[in-house]
Protein backbone atom coordinates (compact mmCIF):
# COMPACT_ATOMS: atom_id res chain seq x y z
CA UNK A 1 -25.36 -89.46 -67.83
CA UNK A 2 -23.83 -86.69 -65.71
CA UNK A 3 -24.96 -86.42 -62.09
CA UNK A 4 -27.10 -83.41 -61.29
CA UNK A 5 -25.69 -80.49 -59.40
CA UNK A 6 -26.92 -80.74 -55.77
CA UNK A 7 -29.86 -78.44 -55.11
CA UNK A 8 -28.62 -77.55 -51.70
CA UNK A 9 -25.55 -75.60 -52.87
CA UNK A 10 -25.93 -72.40 -50.85
CA UNK A 11 -26.25 -68.93 -52.27
CA UNK A 12 -24.94 -66.06 -51.60
CA UNK A 13 -18.58 -29.49 -71.76
CA UNK A 14 -15.71 -29.70 -74.27
CA UNK A 15 -13.87 -26.59 -75.60
CA UNK A 16 -12.81 -26.47 -79.23
CA UNK A 17 -9.57 -24.72 -80.26
CA UNK A 18 -9.91 -25.02 -84.01
CA UNK A 19 -12.14 -26.06 -86.91
CA UNK A 20 -9.62 -28.77 -87.78
CA UNK A 21 -9.87 -30.37 -84.37
CA UNK A 22 -13.61 -30.41 -84.80
CA UNK A 23 -13.33 -32.20 -88.12
CA UNK A 24 -10.78 -34.79 -86.90
CA UNK A 25 -11.50 -35.31 -83.16
CA UNK A 26 -8.96 -37.13 -81.08
CA UNK A 27 -9.64 -40.75 -80.46
CA UNK A 28 -11.33 -41.49 -77.17
CA UNK A 29 -9.50 -43.51 -74.55
CA UNK A 30 -11.92 -46.42 -75.11
CA UNK A 31 -11.33 -46.40 -78.88
CA UNK A 32 -7.58 -46.40 -78.36
CA UNK A 33 -7.75 -49.30 -76.01
CA UNK A 34 -10.01 -51.21 -78.35
CA UNK A 35 -7.59 -50.67 -81.22
CA UNK A 36 -4.71 -51.79 -78.97
CA UNK A 37 -6.72 -54.90 -78.13
CA UNK A 38 -7.36 -55.62 -81.77
CA UNK A 39 -11.01 -54.54 -81.74
CA UNK A 40 -11.29 -51.95 -84.48
CA UNK A 41 -15.03 -51.80 -84.76
CA UNK A 42 -16.27 -49.42 -82.10
CA UNK A 43 -19.86 -50.12 -82.98
CA UNK A 44 -19.32 -53.82 -82.45
CA UNK A 45 -17.81 -53.11 -79.06
CA UNK A 46 -20.95 -51.07 -78.18
CA UNK A 47 -23.13 -53.90 -79.25
CA UNK A 48 -21.16 -56.25 -77.06
CA UNK A 49 -21.58 -54.06 -74.07
CA UNK A 50 -25.34 -53.92 -74.84
CA UNK A 51 -25.46 -57.65 -74.33
CA UNK A 52 -24.20 -57.16 -70.74
CA UNK A 53 -26.67 -54.34 -70.23
CA UNK A 54 -29.59 -56.45 -71.52
CA UNK A 55 -28.63 -59.20 -69.02
CA UNK A 56 -28.50 -56.77 -66.16
CA UNK A 57 -31.76 -55.08 -67.26
CA UNK A 58 -33.81 -58.34 -67.44
CA UNK A 59 -32.31 -60.03 -64.40
CA UNK A 60 -32.93 -56.78 -62.37
CA UNK A 61 -36.63 -57.41 -63.03
CA UNK A 62 -36.67 -60.94 -61.81
CA UNK A 63 -38.31 -61.47 -58.37
CA UNK A 64 -36.16 -64.41 -57.32
CA UNK A 65 -37.73 -64.77 -53.89
CA UNK A 66 -41.14 -65.04 -55.39
CA UNK A 67 -40.00 -67.79 -57.76
CA UNK A 68 -38.42 -69.66 -54.90
CA UNK A 69 -41.47 -69.33 -52.67
CA UNK A 70 -44.21 -69.93 -55.26
CA UNK A 71 -42.51 -72.82 -57.04
CA UNK A 72 -41.29 -74.43 -53.76
CA UNK A 73 -37.57 -74.08 -54.70
CA UNK A 74 -34.87 -73.95 -51.98
CA UNK A 75 -33.15 -70.65 -51.63
CA UNK A 76 -29.85 -71.88 -53.05
CA UNK A 77 -27.22 -70.95 -55.66
CA UNK A 78 -28.57 -73.72 -57.97
CA UNK A 79 -32.15 -72.49 -57.71
CA UNK A 80 -30.88 -69.02 -58.59
CA UNK A 81 -29.13 -70.45 -61.66
CA UNK A 82 -32.22 -72.32 -62.87
CA UNK A 83 -34.35 -69.07 -62.71
CA UNK A 84 -31.58 -67.06 -64.33
CA UNK A 85 -31.03 -69.69 -67.03
CA UNK A 86 -34.67 -69.75 -67.98
CA UNK A 87 -34.74 -65.93 -68.46
CA UNK A 88 -31.37 -65.90 -70.34
CA UNK A 89 -32.74 -68.49 -72.76
CA UNK A 90 -35.81 -66.31 -73.43
CA UNK A 91 -33.38 -63.36 -74.16
CA UNK A 92 -31.49 -65.66 -76.54
CA UNK A 93 -34.66 -66.71 -78.38
CA UNK A 94 -35.53 -63.06 -79.10
CA UNK A 95 -32.08 -61.93 -80.19
CA UNK A 96 -31.49 -64.96 -82.39
CA UNK A 97 -34.22 -63.58 -84.64
CA UNK A 98 -31.72 -60.84 -85.67
CA UNK A 99 -28.84 -62.41 -87.54
CA UNK A 100 -26.39 -59.52 -87.16
CA UNK A 101 -26.28 -57.45 -84.03
CA UNK A 102 -28.70 -59.83 -82.40
CA UNK A 103 -26.15 -62.66 -82.29
CA UNK A 104 -23.51 -60.45 -80.75
CA UNK A 105 -25.95 -59.30 -78.10
CA UNK A 106 -27.09 -62.80 -77.43
CA UNK A 107 -23.52 -64.10 -77.05
CA UNK A 108 -22.61 -61.35 -74.60
CA UNK A 109 -25.79 -61.71 -72.56
CA UNK A 110 -24.77 -65.37 -72.06
CA UNK A 111 -21.23 -64.23 -71.27
CA UNK A 112 -22.63 -61.83 -68.65
CA UNK A 113 -24.57 -64.80 -67.12
CA UNK A 114 -21.38 -66.71 -66.74
CA UNK A 115 -19.49 -63.84 -65.32
CA UNK A 116 -22.31 -63.44 -62.78
CA UNK A 117 -22.39 -67.16 -62.01
CA UNK A 118 -18.62 -67.32 -61.36
CA UNK A 119 -18.75 -64.26 -59.08
CA UNK A 120 -21.58 -65.90 -57.05
CA UNK A 121 -19.71 -69.17 -56.81
CA UNK A 122 -16.78 -67.19 -55.32
CA UNK A 123 -19.20 -66.03 -52.56
CA UNK A 124 -20.35 -69.54 -51.60
CA UNK A 125 -17.58 -69.86 -49.01
CA UNK A 126 -14.33 -71.68 -48.66
CA UNK A 127 -14.53 -74.15 -51.50
CA UNK A 128 -11.48 -75.53 -53.20
CA UNK A 129 -10.81 -73.95 -56.62
CA UNK A 130 -10.91 -77.35 -58.34
CA UNK A 131 -14.37 -78.06 -56.97
CA UNK A 132 -15.66 -74.69 -58.00
CA UNK A 133 -14.36 -75.17 -61.57
CA UNK A 134 -15.99 -78.63 -61.66
CA UNK A 135 -19.29 -77.10 -60.52
CA UNK A 136 -19.07 -74.44 -63.21
CA UNK A 137 -18.24 -77.01 -65.83
CA UNK A 138 -21.08 -79.27 -64.80
CA UNK A 139 -23.76 -76.59 -64.90
CA UNK A 140 -22.27 -75.47 -68.25
CA UNK A 141 -23.07 -78.91 -69.68
CA UNK A 142 -26.49 -78.75 -68.16
CA UNK A 143 -27.11 -75.31 -69.49
CA UNK A 144 -26.31 -76.51 -73.03
CA UNK A 145 -28.71 -79.42 -72.67
CA UNK A 146 -31.39 -77.19 -71.19
CA UNK A 147 -31.26 -74.88 -74.19
CA UNK A 148 -31.90 -77.77 -76.49
CA UNK A 149 -34.88 -78.85 -74.44
CA UNK A 150 -36.38 -75.41 -74.10
CA UNK A 151 -35.86 -74.68 -77.85
CA UNK A 152 -37.70 -77.87 -78.69
CA UNK A 153 -40.47 -76.99 -76.23
CA UNK A 154 -41.05 -73.47 -77.51
CA UNK A 155 -41.23 -74.60 -81.06
CA UNK A 156 -43.64 -77.41 -80.17
CA UNK A 157 -46.85 -77.79 -78.18
CA UNK A 158 -47.42 -77.01 -74.51
CA UNK A 159 -47.02 -80.57 -73.59
CA UNK A 160 -43.47 -80.65 -74.91
CA UNK A 161 -42.67 -77.33 -73.27
CA UNK A 162 -44.03 -78.58 -69.97
CA UNK A 163 -41.88 -81.71 -70.20
CA UNK A 164 -38.77 -79.59 -70.72
CA UNK A 165 -39.62 -77.35 -67.86
CA UNK A 166 -40.31 -80.28 -65.56
CA UNK A 167 -37.08 -81.94 -66.46
CA UNK A 168 -34.86 -78.86 -66.04
CA UNK A 169 -36.60 -76.13 -63.97
CA UNK A 170 -38.33 -78.52 -61.62
CA UNK A 171 -35.58 -81.17 -61.72
CA UNK A 172 -38.19 -83.94 -62.15
CA UNK A 173 -39.49 -83.07 -58.70
CA UNK A 174 -42.80 -81.90 -57.42
CA UNK A 175 -46.26 -83.04 -58.29
CA UNK A 176 -48.16 -79.72 -58.67
CA UNK A 177 -49.53 -79.49 -62.17
CA UNK A 178 -50.78 -75.91 -61.53
CA UNK A 179 -47.17 -74.75 -60.96
CA UNK A 180 -46.07 -76.35 -64.28
CA UNK A 181 -49.07 -74.86 -66.13
CA UNK A 182 -48.24 -71.46 -64.69
CA UNK A 183 -44.68 -71.61 -65.87
CA UNK A 184 -45.71 -72.72 -69.34
CA UNK A 185 -48.10 -69.83 -69.70
CA UNK A 186 -45.47 -67.41 -68.31
CA UNK A 187 -42.90 -68.59 -70.86
CA UNK A 188 -45.33 -68.43 -73.79
CA UNK A 189 -46.47 -64.93 -72.86
CA UNK A 190 -43.01 -63.68 -72.18
CA UNK A 191 -41.64 -64.95 -75.56
CA UNK A 192 -44.68 -63.42 -77.30
CA UNK A 193 -44.09 -60.05 -75.56
CA UNK A 194 -40.36 -60.04 -76.59
CA UNK A 195 -41.23 -61.03 -80.19
CA UNK A 196 -43.56 -58.05 -80.51
CA UNK A 197 -40.68 -55.64 -79.82
CA UNK A 198 -39.23 -54.21 -83.09
CA UNK A 199 -35.62 -55.15 -84.03
CA UNK A 200 -34.54 -51.48 -84.26
CA UNK A 201 -35.46 -50.97 -80.59
CA UNK A 202 -33.88 -54.12 -79.07
CA UNK A 203 -30.45 -53.54 -80.79
CA UNK A 204 -30.17 -49.93 -79.59
CA UNK A 205 -30.92 -50.24 -75.84
CA UNK A 206 -32.18 -52.72 -73.27
CA UNK A 207 -35.96 -52.63 -73.57
CA UNK A 208 -37.07 -56.22 -72.74
CA UNK A 209 -39.70 -56.04 -70.07
CA UNK A 210 -40.77 -58.96 -67.99
CA UNK A 211 -44.40 -59.88 -67.18
CA UNK A 212 -45.52 -59.51 -63.63
CA UNK A 213 -45.52 -63.13 -62.60
CA UNK A 214 -47.27 -62.40 -59.39
CA UNK A 215 -50.23 -61.02 -61.29
CA UNK A 216 -50.07 -63.99 -63.61
CA UNK A 217 -50.16 -66.47 -60.77
CA UNK A 218 -53.25 -64.76 -59.34
CA UNK A 219 -54.94 -65.00 -62.70
CA UNK A 220 -54.18 -68.69 -62.85
CA UNK A 221 -55.68 -69.43 -59.50
């Protein structure tokens, strides 16, 4: 059993000269670079980029400070990761329903999370590179395990989902059943909202919208 990551890790307009040119436009710089890099499918590249945009779009809606305060979480890097991880998993659940573009978007949303995570680790202060790499590797293992638990929870009953959230999000700490109930309701409602979005919309642009958790908490009181 791997030791948990300490919760006190600190955060931190174009002219045309001829009809022929119009029929056979010059390749764009991006397309030329993609071909040079071996990526010949421009549409695939755009789908990959969309994964990063989806990540930024969803995370930009997360009120981290509210999560920390309401659920009694320390304002640390690890708390940030737990909140981010939960929302990335919900993104993954929705895009996995689309077997083609959806998988590409899902994979790149996860890649965006790791890029963000590594950038934040770099801002933690003077920490040896070896230790930083070990921390990233450890939370990577934990992330994979959390995905299994969350997947089991969302496909089962509220009791199973609550257990998964208590183990991972709450780190087996806290004894406030209302907080756990609120998070279960939040996840269920959020997944349902994502599921109701049509495939042709979510594979074109970032449209995933988060529920206002502040309003939800008031309703649960």
